[in-house]
All heavy atoms as atom14 arrays in JSON, in Angstrom:
{
  "sequence": "VTPTAVAGSIVYLVLVSQLALGVAALVRDAAVAMGVTLGILYGFPL",
  "atom14_mask": [
    [1, 1, 1, 1, 1, 1, 1, 0, 0, 0, 0, 0, 0, 0],
    [1, 1, 1, 1, 1, 1, 1, 0, 0, 0, 0, 0, 0, 0],
    [1, 1, 1, 1, 1, 1, 1, 0, 0, 0, 0, 0, 0, 0],
    [1, 1, 1, 1, 1, 1, 1, 0, 0, 0, 0, 0, 0, 0],
    [1, 1, 1, 1, 1, 0, 0, 0, 0, 0, 0, 0, 0, 0],
    [1, 1, 1, 1, 1, 1, 1, 0, 0, 0, 0, 0, 0, 0],
    [1, 1, 1, 1, 1, 0, 0, 0, 0, 0, 0, 0, 0, 0],
    [1, 1, 1, 1, 0, 0, 0, 0, 0, 0, 0, 0, 0, 0],
    [1, 1, 1, 1, 1, 1, 0, 0, 0, 0, 0, 0, 0, 0],
    [1, 1, 1, 1, 1, 1, 1, 1, 0, 0, 0, 0, 0, 0],
    [1, 1, 1, 1, 1, 1, 1, 0, 0, 0, 0, 0, 0, 0],
    [1, 1, 1, 1, 1, 1, 1, 1, 1, 1, 1, 1, 0, 0],
    [1, 1, 1, 1, 1, 1, 1, 1, 0, 0, 0, 0, 0, 0],
    [1, 1, 1, 1, 1, 1, 1, 0, 0, 0, 0, 0, 0, 0],
    [1, 1, 1, 1, 1, 1, 1, 1, 0, 0, 0, 0, 0, 0],
    [1, 1, 1, 1, 1, 1, 1, 0, 0, 0, 0, 0, 0, 0],
    [1, 1, 1, 1, 1, 1, 0, 0, 0, 0, 0, 0, 0, 0],
    [1, 1, 1, 1, 1, 1, 1, 1, 1, 0, 0, 0, 0, 0],
    [1, 1, 1, 1, 1, 1, 1, 1, 0, 0, 0, 0, 0, 0],
    [1, 1, 1, 1, 1, 0, 0, 0, 0, 0, 0, 0, 0, 0],
    [1, 1, 1, 1, 1, 1, 1, 1, 0, 0, 0, 0, 0, 0],
    [1, 1, 1, 1, 0, 0, 0, 0, 0, 0, 0, 0, 0, 0],
    [1, 1, 1, 1, 1, 1, 1, 0, 0, 0, 0, 0, 0, 0],
    [1, 1, 1, 1, 1, 0, 0, 0, 0, 0, 0, 0, 0, 0],
    [1, 1, 1, 1, 1, 0, 0, 0, 0, 0, 0, 0, 0, 0],
    [1, 1, 1, 1, 1, 1, 1, 1, 0, 0, 0, 0, 0, 0],
    [1, 1, 1, 1, 1, 1, 1, 0, 0, 0, 0, 0, 0, 0],
    [1, 1, 1, 1, 1, 1, 1, 1, 1, 1, 1, 0, 0, 0],
    [1, 1, 1, 1, 1, 1, 1, 1, 0, 0, 0, 0, 0, 0],
    [1, 1, 1, 1, 1, 0, 0, 0, 0, 0, 0, 0, 0, 0],
    [1, 1, 1, 1, 1, 0, 0, 0, 0, 0, 0, 0, 0, 0],
    [1, 1, 1, 1, 1, 1, 1, 0, 0, 0, 0, 0, 0, 0],
    [1, 1, 1, 1, 1, 0, 0, 0, 0, 0, 0, 0, 0, 0],
    [1, 1, 1, 1, 1, 1, 1, 1, 0, 0, 0, 0, 0, 0],
    [1, 1, 1, 1, 0, 0, 0, 0, 0, 0, 0, 0, 0, 0],
    [1, 1, 1, 1, 1, 1, 1, 0, 0, 0, 0, 0, 0, 0],
    [1, 1, 1, 1, 1, 1, 1, 0, 0, 0, 0, 0, 0, 0],
    [1, 1, 1, 1, 1, 1, 1, 1, 0, 0, 0, 0, 0, 0],
    [1, 1, 1, 1, 0, 0, 0, 0, 0, 0, 0, 0, 0, 0],
    [1, 1, 1, 1, 1, 1, 1, 1, 0, 0, 0, 0, 0, 0],
    [1, 1, 1, 1, 1, 1, 1, 1, 0, 0, 0, 0, 0, 0],
    [1, 1, 1, 1, 1, 1, 1, 1, 1, 1, 1, 1, 0, 0],
    [1, 1, 1, 1, 0, 0, 0, 0, 0, 0, 0, 0, 0, 0],
    [1, 1, 1, 1, 1, 1, 1, 1, 1, 1, 1, 0, 0, 0],
    [1, 1, 1, 1, 1, 1, 1, 0, 0, 0, 0, 0, 0, 0],
    [1, 1, 1, 1, 1, 1, 1, 1, 0, 0, 0, 0, 0, 0]
  ],
  "atom14_positions": [
    [[15.81, 14.98, -18.66], [15.18, 13.69, -18.41], [15.35, 12.82, -19.77], [14.78, 13.22, -20.75], [13.81, 13.68, -17.8], [13.29, 12.3, -17.55], [13.85, 14.58, -16.54], [0.0, 0.0, 0.0], [0.0, 0.0, 0.0], [0.0, 0.0, 0.0], [0.0, 0.0, 0.0], [0.0, 0.0, 0.0], [0.0, 0.0, 0.0], [0.0, 0.0, 0.0]],
    [[15.86, 11.59, -19.64], [16.01, 10.75, -20.83], [14.84, 10.0, -21.08], [14.1, 9.71, -20.07], [17.21, 9.81, -20.74], [16.93, 8.85, -19.65], [18.5, 10.58, -20.34], [0.0, 0.0, 0.0], [0.0, 0.0, 0.0], [0.0, 0.0, 0.0], [0.0, 0.0, 0.0], [0.0, 0.0, 0.0], [0.0, 0.0, 0.0], [0.0, 0.0, 0.0]],
    [[14.53, 9.67, -22.42], [13.4, 8.87, -22.69], [13.43, 7.45, -21.92], [12.39, 6.97, -21.56], [13.57, 8.58, -24.12], [14.26, 9.79, -24.73], [15.21, 10.14, -23.59], [0.0, 0.0, 0.0], [0.0, 0.0, 0.0], [0.0, 0.0, 0.0], [0.0, 0.0, 0.0], [0.0, 0.0, 0.0], [0.0, 0.0, 0.0], [0.0, 0.0, 0.0]],
    [[14.66, 6.96, -21.72], [14.72, 5.69, -20.96], [14.36, 5.81, -19.58], [13.68, 4.91, -18.98], [16.3, 5.27, -20.85], [16.69, 4.97, -22.26], [16.5, 3.96, -20.18], [0.0, 0.0, 0.0], [0.0, 0.0, 0.0], [0.0, 0.0, 0.0], [0.0, 0.0, 0.0], [0.0, 0.0, 0.0], [0.0, 0.0, 0.0], [0.0, 0.0, 0.0]],
    [[14.71, 6.94, -18.9], [14.25, 7.25, -17.52], [12.76, 7.36, -17.44], [12.15, 6.86, -16.52], [14.93, 8.47, -17.01], [0.0, 0.0, 0.0], [0.0, 0.0, 0.0], [0.0, 0.0, 0.0], [0.0, 0.0, 0.0], [0.0, 0.0, 0.0], [0.0, 0.0, 0.0], [0.0, 0.0, 0.0], [0.0, 0.0, 0.0], [0.0, 0.0, 0.0]],
    [[12.11, 7.97, -18.41], [10.58, 8.19, -18.52], [10.0, 6.8, -18.61], [9.22, 6.35, -17.83], [10.16, 9.06, -19.63], [8.72, 9.05, -19.86], [10.83, 10.44, -19.31], [0.0, 0.0, 0.0], [0.0, 0.0, 0.0], [0.0, 0.0, 0.0], [0.0, 0.0, 0.0], [0.0, 0.0, 0.0], [0.0, 0.0, 0.0], [0.0, 0.0, 0.0]],
    [[10.35, 5.97, -19.59], [9.72, 4.74, -19.83], [10.0, 3.83, -18.68], [9.11, 3.07, -18.13], [10.28, 3.95, -21.12], [0.0, 0.0, 0.0], [0.0, 0.0, 0.0], [0.0, 0.0, 0.0], [0.0, 0.0, 0.0], [0.0, 0.0, 0.0], [0.0, 0.0, 0.0], [0.0, 0.0, 0.0], [0.0, 0.0, 0.0], [0.0, 0.0, 0.0]],
    [[11.24, 3.73, -18.12], [11.47, 2.85, -17.0], [10.74, 3.17, -15.82], [10.32, 2.27, -15.1], [0.0, 0.0, 0.0], [0.0, 0.0, 0.0], [0.0, 0.0, 0.0], [0.0, 0.0, 0.0], [0.0, 0.0, 0.0], [0.0, 0.0, 0.0], [0.0, 0.0, 0.0], [0.0, 0.0, 0.0], [0.0, 0.0, 0.0], [0.0, 0.0, 0.0]],
    [[10.61, 4.46, -15.64], [9.93, 4.91, -14.31], [8.34, 4.53, -14.39], [7.74, 4.11, -13.32], [10.03, 6.35, -14.1], [11.32, 6.78, -13.86], [0.0, 0.0, 0.0], [0.0, 0.0, 0.0], [0.0, 0.0, 0.0], [0.0, 0.0, 0.0], [0.0, 0.0, 0.0], [0.0, 0.0, 0.0], [0.0, 0.0, 0.0], [0.0, 0.0, 0.0]],
    [[7.84, 4.59, -15.51], [6.43, 4.24, -15.72], [6.34, 2.7, -15.47], [5.41, 2.2, -14.66], [5.95, 4.52, -17.11], [5.85, 6.02, -17.33], [4.57, 3.85, -17.44], [5.64, 6.58, -18.76], [0.0, 0.0, 0.0], [0.0, 0.0, 0.0], [0.0, 0.0, 0.0], [0.0, 0.0, 0.0], [0.0, 0.0, 0.0], [0.0, 0.0, 0.0]],
    [[7.19, 1.92, -16.04], [7.17, 0.37, -15.91], [7.41, 0.19, -14.39], [6.76, -0.74, -13.81], [8.26, -0.24, -16.63], [8.43, -1.72, -16.32], [7.98, -0.12, -18.17], [0.0, 0.0, 0.0], [0.0, 0.0, 0.0], [0.0, 0.0, 0.0], [0.0, 0.0, 0.0], [0.0, 0.0, 0.0], [0.0, 0.0, 0.0], [0.0, 0.0, 0.0]],
    [[8.23, 0.9, -13.68], [8.56, 0.64, -12.32], [7.25, 0.75, -11.48], [6.95, -0.09, -10.59], [9.64, 1.48, -11.78], [9.76, 1.53, -10.32], [10.47, 0.37, -9.74], [9.27, 2.55, -9.5], [10.59, 0.48, -8.31], [9.42, 2.61, -8.12], [10.12, 1.54, -7.55], [10.14, 1.52, -6.29], [0.0, 0.0, 0.0], [0.0, 0.0, 0.0]],
    [[6.51, 1.9, -11.62], [5.32, 2.17, -10.78], [4.31, 0.94, -11.11], [3.6, 0.53, -10.11], [4.79, 3.41, -11.24], [5.48, 4.75, -10.67], [4.83, 5.98, -11.12], [5.43, 4.68, -9.15], [0.0, 0.0, 0.0], [0.0, 0.0, 0.0], [0.0, 0.0, 0.0], [0.0, 0.0, 0.0], [0.0, 0.0, 0.0], [0.0, 0.0, 0.0]],
    [[4.19, 0.44, -12.26], [3.25, -0.65, -12.54], [3.7, -1.83, -11.88], [2.75, -2.53, -11.26], [3.15, -0.92, -14.11], [2.27, -2.07, -14.31], [2.59, 0.28, -14.77], [0.0, 0.0, 0.0], [0.0, 0.0, 0.0], [0.0, 0.0, 0.0], [0.0, 0.0, 0.0], [0.0, 0.0, 0.0], [0.0, 0.0, 0.0], [0.0, 0.0, 0.0]],
    [[4.94, -2.14, -11.79], [5.45, -3.36, -11.15], [5.19, -3.18, -9.53], [5.01, -4.18, -8.89], [6.99, -3.44, -11.32], [7.36, -3.88, -12.74], [8.94, -3.87, -12.96], [6.73, -5.24, -13.07], [0.0, 0.0, 0.0], [0.0, 0.0, 0.0], [0.0, 0.0, 0.0], [0.0, 0.0, 0.0], [0.0, 0.0, 0.0], [0.0, 0.0, 0.0]],
    [[5.39, -1.92, -9.05], [5.15, -1.66, -7.69], [3.65, -1.99, -7.32], [3.36, -2.59, -6.31], [5.41, -0.32, -7.25], [4.82, 0.22, -5.92], [7.02, 0.06, -7.18], [0.0, 0.0, 0.0], [0.0, 0.0, 0.0], [0.0, 0.0, 0.0], [0.0, 0.0, 0.0], [0.0, 0.0, 0.0], [0.0, 0.0, 0.0], [0.0, 0.0, 0.0]],
    [[2.73, -1.68, -8.15], [1.4, -1.96, -8.01], [1.13, -3.38, -7.9], [0.32, -3.94, -7.13], [0.45, -1.3, -9.05], [0.48, -2.02, -10.32], [0.0, 0.0, 0.0], [0.0, 0.0, 0.0], [0.0, 0.0, 0.0], [0.0, 0.0, 0.0], [0.0, 0.0, 0.0], [0.0, 0.0, 0.0], [0.0, 0.0, 0.0], [0.0, 0.0, 0.0]],
    [[1.86, -4.28, -8.73], [1.64, -5.65, -8.75], [2.17, -6.3, -7.51], [1.56, -7.18, -6.93], [2.36, -6.34, -10.01], [1.75, -5.73, -11.33], [0.22, -5.9, -11.41], [-0.26, -6.97, -11.57], [-0.58, -4.79, -11.3], [0.0, 0.0, 0.0], [0.0, 0.0, 0.0], [0.0, 0.0, 0.0], [0.0, 0.0, 0.0], [0.0, 0.0, 0.0]],
    [[3.28, -5.7, -6.97], [3.86, -6.24, -5.77], [2.9, -5.96, -4.55], [2.56, -6.95, -3.83], [5.27, -5.47, -5.48], [5.78, -5.6, -3.99], [6.14, -7.11, -3.79], [7.05, -4.79, -3.91], [0.0, 0.0, 0.0], [0.0, 0.0, 0.0], [0.0, 0.0, 0.0], [0.0, 0.0, 0.0], [0.0, 0.0, 0.0], [0.0, 0.0, 0.0]],
    [[2.35, -4.77, -4.54], [1.39, -4.39, -3.52], [0.02, -5.26, -3.6], [-0.35, -5.79, -2.5], [1.07, -3.01, -3.55], [0.0, 0.0, 0.0], [0.0, 0.0, 0.0], [0.0, 0.0, 0.0], [0.0, 0.0, 0.0], [0.0, 0.0, 0.0], [0.0, 0.0, 0.0], [0.0, 0.0, 0.0], [0.0, 0.0, 0.0], [0.0, 0.0, 0.0]],
    [[-0.33, -5.62, -4.78], [-1.58, -6.34, -4.95], [-1.25, -7.84, -4.44], [-2.1, -8.4, -3.8], [-1.98, -6.48, -6.41], [-3.38, -7.16, -6.61], [-4.49, -6.14, -6.56], [-3.32, -7.72, -8.04], [0.0, 0.0, 0.0], [0.0, 0.0, 0.0], [0.0, 0.0, 0.0], [0.0, 0.0, 0.0], [0.0, 0.0, 0.0], [0.0, 0.0, 0.0]],
    [[-0.12, -8.45, -4.74], [0.24, -9.77, -4.38], [0.32, -9.76, -2.78], [-0.13, -10.72, -2.19], [0.0, 0.0, 0.0], [0.0, 0.0, 0.0], [0.0, 0.0, 0.0], [0.0, 0.0, 0.0], [0.0, 0.0, 0.0], [0.0, 0.0, 0.0], [0.0, 0.0, 0.0], [0.0, 0.0, 0.0], [0.0, 0.0, 0.0], [0.0, 0.0, 0.0]],
    [[0.94, -8.79, -2.13], [1.1, -8.79, -0.6], [-0.33, -8.71, -0.05], [-0.65, -9.31, 0.88], [1.9, -7.63, -0.22], [1.85, -7.43, 1.19], [3.42, -7.84, -0.8], [0.0, 0.0, 0.0], [0.0, 0.0, 0.0], [0.0, 0.0, 0.0], [0.0, 0.0, 0.0], [0.0, 0.0, 0.0], [0.0, 0.0, 0.0], [0.0, 0.0, 0.0]],
    [[-1.2, -7.75, -0.68], [-2.55, -7.63, -0.21], [-3.41, -9.0, -0.27], [-4.12, -9.28, 0.58], [-3.34, -6.5, -0.91], [0.0, 0.0, 0.0], [0.0, 0.0, 0.0], [0.0, 0.0, 0.0], [0.0, 0.0, 0.0], [0.0, 0.0, 0.0], [0.0, 0.0, 0.0], [0.0, 0.0, 0.0], [0.0, 0.0, 0.0], [0.0, 0.0, 0.0]],
    [[-3.22, -9.66, -1.38], [-3.93, -10.98, -1.52], [-3.36, -12.04, -0.5], [-4.07, -12.84, -0.12], [-3.76, -11.46, -2.98], [0.0, 0.0, 0.0], [0.0, 0.0, 0.0], [0.0, 0.0, 0.0], [0.0, 0.0, 0.0], [0.0, 0.0, 0.0], [0.0, 0.0, 0.0], [0.0, 0.0, 0.0], [0.0, 0.0, 0.0], [0.0, 0.0, 0.0]],
    [[-2.1, -11.81, -0.18], [-1.53, -12.81, 0.75], [-1.98, -12.51, 2.3], [-2.4, -13.35, 3.01], [0.02, -12.7, 0.73], [0.91, -13.61, 1.67], [0.45, -15.08, 1.39], [2.33, -13.42, 1.56], [0.0, 0.0, 0.0], [0.0, 0.0, 0.0], [0.0, 0.0, 0.0], [0.0, 0.0, 0.0], [0.0, 0.0, 0.0], [0.0, 0.0, 0.0]],
    [[-1.95, -11.26, 2.69], [-2.34, -10.97, 4.07], [-3.69, -10.48, 4.21], [-4.19, -10.51, 5.38], [-1.22, -9.83, 4.6], [0.19, -10.24, 4.37], [-1.43, -8.46, 3.89], [0.0, 0.0, 0.0], [0.0, 0.0, 0.0], [0.0, 0.0, 0.0], [0.0, 0.0, 0.0], [0.0, 0.0, 0.0], [0.0, 0.0, 0.0], [0.0, 0.0, 0.0]],
    [[-4.37, -9.8, 3.3], [-5.77, -9.56, 3.21], [-6.1, -8.33, 4.26], [-7.26, -7.96, 4.12], [-6.57, -10.75, 3.58], [-6.44, -11.93, 2.81], [-7.21, -13.04, 3.27], [-6.72, -14.31, 2.57], [-7.11, -15.53, 2.86], [-8.03, -15.63, 4.0], [-6.77, -16.58, 2.29], [0.0, 0.0, 0.0], [0.0, 0.0, 0.0], [0.0, 0.0, 0.0]],
    [[-5.25, -7.88, 4.88], [-5.5, -6.66, 5.72], [-4.81, -5.46, 5.1], [-3.61, -5.59, 4.9], [-5.06, -7.04, 7.27], [-5.22, -5.74, 8.1], [-6.33, -5.73, 8.76], [-4.39, -4.88, 8.19], [0.0, 0.0, 0.0], [0.0, 0.0, 0.0], [0.0, 0.0, 0.0], [0.0, 0.0, 0.0], [0.0, 0.0, 0.0], [0.0, 0.0, 0.0]],
    [[-5.58, -4.42, 4.97], [-5.1, -3.22, 4.3], [-3.9, -2.66, 5.01], [-2.91, -2.25, 4.45], [-6.21, -2.18, 4.16], [0.0, 0.0, 0.0], [0.0, 0.0, 0.0], [0.0, 0.0, 0.0], [0.0, 0.0, 0.0], [0.0, 0.0, 0.0], [0.0, 0.0, 0.0], [0.0, 0.0, 0.0], [0.0, 0.0, 0.0], [0.0, 0.0, 0.0]],
    [[-3.92, -2.36, 6.32], [-2.82, -1.86, 7.1], [-1.58, -2.7, 7.11], [-0.4, -2.16, 6.79], [-3.27, -1.51, 8.53], [0.0, 0.0, 0.0], [0.0, 0.0, 0.0], [0.0, 0.0, 0.0], [0.0, 0.0, 0.0], [0.0, 0.0, 0.0], [0.0, 0.0, 0.0], [0.0, 0.0, 0.0], [0.0, 0.0, 0.0], [0.0, 0.0, 0.0]],
    [[-1.86, -3.93, 7.17], [-0.67, -4.76, 7.1], [0.01, -4.83, 5.72], [1.22, -4.81, 5.57], [-0.98, -6.3, 7.51], [0.15, -7.32, 7.43], [-1.48, -6.36, 8.99], [0.0, 0.0, 0.0], [0.0, 0.0, 0.0], [0.0, 0.0, 0.0], [0.0, 0.0, 0.0], [0.0, 0.0, 0.0], [0.0, 0.0, 0.0], [0.0, 0.0, 0.0]],
    [[-0.85, -4.95, 4.76], [-0.37, -4.99, 3.42], [0.42, -3.68, 2.92], [1.42, -3.82, 2.42], [-1.57, -5.14, 2.34], [0.0, 0.0, 0.0], [0.0, 0.0, 0.0], [0.0, 0.0, 0.0], [0.0, 0.0, 0.0], [0.0, 0.0, 0.0], [0.0, 0.0, 0.0], [0.0, 0.0, 0.0], [0.0, 0.0, 0.0], [0.0, 0.0, 0.0]],
    [[-0.12, -2.54, 3.48], [0.62, -1.23, 3.22], [1.93, -1.36, 3.97], [2.95, -0.92, 3.47], [-0.22, -0.08, 3.75], [-1.45, 0.21, 2.83], [-0.96, 1.08, 1.34], [-0.2, 2.65, 1.96], [0.0, 0.0, 0.0], [0.0, 0.0, 0.0], [0.0, 0.0, 0.0], [0.0, 0.0, 0.0], [0.0, 0.0, 0.0], [0.0, 0.0, 0.0]],
    [[1.95, -1.69, 5.24], [3.19, -1.69, 5.98], [4.2, -2.62, 5.44], [5.43, -2.21, 5.28], [0.0, 0.0, 0.0], [0.0, 0.0, 0.0], [0.0, 0.0, 0.0], [0.0, 0.0, 0.0], [0.0, 0.0, 0.0], [0.0, 0.0, 0.0], [0.0, 0.0, 0.0], [0.0, 0.0, 0.0], [0.0, 0.0, 0.0], [0.0, 0.0, 0.0]],
    [[3.87, -3.97, 5.14], [4.76, -4.83, 4.4], [5.4, -4.26, 3.07], [6.63, -4.31, 2.91], [4.05, -6.21, 4.23], [5.06, -7.11, 3.41], [3.77, -6.78, 5.53], [0.0, 0.0, 0.0], [0.0, 0.0, 0.0], [0.0, 0.0, 0.0], [0.0, 0.0, 0.0], [0.0, 0.0, 0.0], [0.0, 0.0, 0.0], [0.0, 0.0, 0.0]],
    [[4.44, -3.74, 2.25], [4.93, -3.39, 0.94], [5.85, -2.14, 1.07], [6.9, -2.13, 0.5], [3.75, -3.02, 0.03], [2.87, -4.18, -0.03], [4.16, -2.8, -1.36], [0.0, 0.0, 0.0], [0.0, 0.0, 0.0], [0.0, 0.0, 0.0], [0.0, 0.0, 0.0], [0.0, 0.0, 0.0], [0.0, 0.0, 0.0], [0.0, 0.0, 0.0]],
    [[5.51, -1.13, 1.85], [6.21, 0.08, 1.86], [7.56, -0.29, 2.66], [8.61, 0.32, 2.47], [5.45, 1.13, 2.76], [4.29, 1.72, 1.88], [3.56, 2.78, 2.83], [4.7, 2.39, 0.53], [0.0, 0.0, 0.0], [0.0, 0.0, 0.0], [0.0, 0.0, 0.0], [0.0, 0.0, 0.0], [0.0, 0.0, 0.0], [0.0, 0.0, 0.0]],
    [[7.46, -1.26, 3.64], [8.79, -1.62, 4.21], [9.72, -2.22, 3.33], [10.82, -2.16, 3.4], [0.0, 0.0, 0.0], [0.0, 0.0, 0.0], [0.0, 0.0, 0.0], [0.0, 0.0, 0.0], [0.0, 0.0, 0.0], [0.0, 0.0, 0.0], [0.0, 0.0, 0.0], [0.0, 0.0, 0.0], [0.0, 0.0, 0.0], [0.0, 0.0, 0.0]],
    [[9.17, -3.17, 2.34], [9.96, -3.61, 1.35], [10.67, -2.61, 0.5], [11.96, -2.69, 0.19], [9.26, -4.76, 0.59], [8.88, -5.96, 1.3], [10.06, -5.11, -0.74], [7.91, -6.84, 0.69], [0.0, 0.0, 0.0], [0.0, 0.0, 0.0], [0.0, 0.0, 0.0], [0.0, 0.0, 0.0], [0.0, 0.0, 0.0], [0.0, 0.0, 0.0]],
    [[9.74, -1.71, 0.01], [10.27, -0.64, -0.78], [11.37, 0.41, -0.19], [12.4, 0.61, -0.79], [9.14, 0.14, -1.36], [8.23, -0.65, -2.28], [7.0, 0.2, -2.65], [8.91, -0.97, -3.57], [0.0, 0.0, 0.0], [0.0, 0.0, 0.0], [0.0, 0.0, 0.0], [0.0, 0.0, 0.0], [0.0, 0.0, 0.0], [0.0, 0.0, 0.0]],
    [[11.0, 0.88, 0.96], [11.88, 1.85, 1.62], [12.77, 1.21, 2.63], [13.77, 1.88, 2.95], [10.98, 2.88, 2.34], [10.05, 3.66, 1.43], [8.56, 3.59, 1.73], [10.62, 4.44, 0.47], [7.79, 4.35, 0.8], [9.69, 5.17, -0.3], [8.31, 5.1, -0.16], [7.5, 5.79, -0.96], [0.0, 0.0, 0.0], [0.0, 0.0, 0.0]],
    [[12.6, 0.02, 3.15], [13.49, -0.61, 4.1], [14.89, -0.8, 3.6], [15.84, -0.57, 4.24], [0.0, 0.0, 0.0], [0.0, 0.0, 0.0], [0.0, 0.0, 0.0], [0.0, 0.0, 0.0], [0.0, 0.0, 0.0], [0.0, 0.0, 0.0], [0.0, 0.0, 0.0], [0.0, 0.0, 0.0], [0.0, 0.0, 0.0], [0.0, 0.0, 0.0]],
    [[14.98, -1.54, 2.38], [16.23, -1.93, 1.83], [17.26, -0.68, 1.66], [18.42, -0.68, 2.09], [16.03, -2.64, 0.53], [15.68, -3.98, 0.69], [14.46, -4.57, 0.54], [16.66, -5.04, 1.19], [14.15, -5.92, 0.77], [16.37, -6.32, 1.33], [15.1, -6.76, 1.06], [0.0, 0.0, 0.0], [0.0, 0.0, 0.0], [0.0, 0.0, 0.0]],
    [[16.74, 0.48, 1.16], [17.57, 1.61, 0.99], [18.11, 2.12, 2.36], [19.16, 2.69, 2.49], [16.76, 2.66, 0.2], [15.81, 1.86, -0.47], [15.47, 0.7, 0.32], [0.0, 0.0, 0.0], [0.0, 0.0, 0.0], [0.0, 0.0, 0.0], [0.0, 0.0, 0.0], [0.0, 0.0, 0.0], [0.0, 0.0, 0.0], [0.0, 0.0, 0.0]],
    [[17.22, 2.14, 3.34], [17.53, 2.54, 4.61], [18.62, 1.63, 5.26], [19.66, 2.25, 5.82], [16.35, 2.65, 5.58], [15.39, 3.68, 5.34], [14.14, 3.57, 6.21], [15.93, 5.05, 5.48], [0.0, 0.0, 0.0], [0.0, 0.0, 0.0], [0.0, 0.0, 0.0], [0.0, 0.0, 0.0], [0.0, 0.0, 0.0], [0.0, 0.0, 0.0]]
  ]
}
């Protein structure tokens, strides 16, 4: 595992948390916020 991969993966997880927080502030419902955020993250690769 390269140092770049380690540092970048840490930054990525923090950015994911900010995406989820923004979605939650927008929709205010936990289930909807989870569904929308996970749909964005996993939907595009599918």
